[in-house]
Protein backbone atom coordinates (compact mmCIF):
# COMPACT_ATOMS: atom_id res chain seq x y z
CA MET A 1 -13.36 8.41 6.61
CA ILE A 2 -10.46 6.65 8.25
CA MET A 3 -11.02 5.18 11.70
CA GLY A 4 -14.08 7.38 12.13
CA GLU A 5 -12.31 10.62 11.19
CA GLU A 6 -12.99 12.52 8.00
CA TYR A 7 -10.06 13.54 5.81
CA VAL A 8 -10.17 15.82 2.79
CA LEU A 9 -7.75 14.61 0.14
CA LYS A 10 -6.41 16.75 -2.67
CA GLY A 11 -4.31 15.47 -5.52
CA THR A 12 -4.12 14.59 -9.16
CA SER A 13 -5.84 11.21 -8.78
CA SER A 14 -9.53 10.86 -9.52
CA PRO A 15 -11.97 11.17 -6.60
CA GLU A 16 -12.75 7.47 -6.98
CA GLU A 17 -9.06 6.52 -6.73
CA MET A 18 -8.60 8.67 -3.63
CA TYR A 19 -11.74 7.18 -2.08
CA ASN A 20 -10.42 3.66 -2.73
CA VAL A 21 -7.06 4.51 -1.15
CA GLY A 22 -8.77 5.91 1.94
CA ARG A 23 -11.03 2.88 2.18
CA TYR A 24 -8.02 0.55 1.89
CA VAL A 25 -6.11 2.37 4.64
CA ASP A 26 -9.24 2.38 6.83
CA ARG A 27 -9.68 -1.36 6.36
CA LEU A 28 -6.04 -2.06 7.24
CA MET A 29 -6.11 0.17 10.31
CA ARG A 30 -9.39 -1.31 11.57
CA THR A 31 -8.06 -4.84 11.13
CA LEU A 32 -4.92 -4.02 13.13
CA ALA A 33 -6.91 -2.16 15.80
CA GLU A 34 -9.26 -5.12 16.23
CA LYS A 35 -6.34 -7.50 16.70
CA ASN A 36 -4.55 -5.12 19.11
CA ILE A 37 -7.30 -3.58 21.23
CA GLN A 38 -4.87 -1.92 23.67
CA MET A 39 -2.80 -0.28 20.93
CA SER A 40 -3.11 3.50 20.55
CA ARG A 41 -4.36 5.00 17.27
CA HIS A 42 -0.90 6.45 16.72
CA LYS A 43 0.72 3.03 16.94
CA VAL A 44 -1.97 1.51 14.72
CA ALA A 45 -1.21 4.21 12.13
CA VAL A 46 2.56 3.57 12.31
CA LEU A 47 2.08 -0.19 12.08
CA THR A 48 -0.23 0.31 9.10
CA ALA A 49 2.40 2.50 7.42
CA LEU A 50 5.05 -0.17 8.02
CA ASN A 51 2.81 -2.88 6.56
CA LEU A 52 2.09 -0.73 3.50
CA ALA A 53 5.79 0.05 3.04
CA ASP A 54 6.59 -3.67 3.25
CA GLU A 55 3.91 -4.42 0.66
CA LEU A 56 5.23 -1.68 -1.63
CA LEU A 57 8.85 -2.78 -1.36
CA LYS A 58 7.94 -6.40 -2.11
CA LEU A 59 5.99 -5.33 -5.20
CA LYS A 60 8.87 -3.12 -6.36
CA GLU A 61 11.30 -6.01 -5.92
CA GLU A 62 8.98 -8.33 -7.86
CA LEU A 63 8.71 -5.82 -10.70
CA GLN A 64 12.48 -5.37 -10.75
CA GLN A 65 12.99 -9.14 -10.95
CA ARG A 66 10.48 -9.40 -13.79
CA GLY A 67 12.24 -6.57 -15.62
CA ASP A 68 15.60 -8.26 -15.14
CA GLN A 69 14.21 -11.57 -16.44
CA LYS A 70 12.68 -9.84 -19.46
CA SER A 71 15.99 -8.09 -20.22
CA GLN A 72 17.84 -11.39 -20.06
CA GLY A 73 15.26 -13.03 -22.32
CA ASP A 74 15.49 -10.21 -24.86
CA SER A 75 19.26 -10.43 -25.10
CA ASN A 76 19.14 -14.20 -25.70
CA GLY A 77 16.56 -14.04 -28.49
CA LEU A 78 17.01 -14.02 -32.23
CA VAL A 79 18.05 -10.84 -33.97
């Protein structure tokens, strides 16, 4: 259930993982909708997608930086 609507998800993830994803999206959308009462559901969904994309890109960048730091550390170590 996302924003009161039921969605049937199919995929390779476990049912629990898919449930957790749906619950996370629902929580984000409800939070945005509560803060922006006049905003349409469509705009809430787009804003949620943008927030999730921002979160994902920041995590990817952080992982890339950690990988770069690890590579630099490996090349400076003893052989």
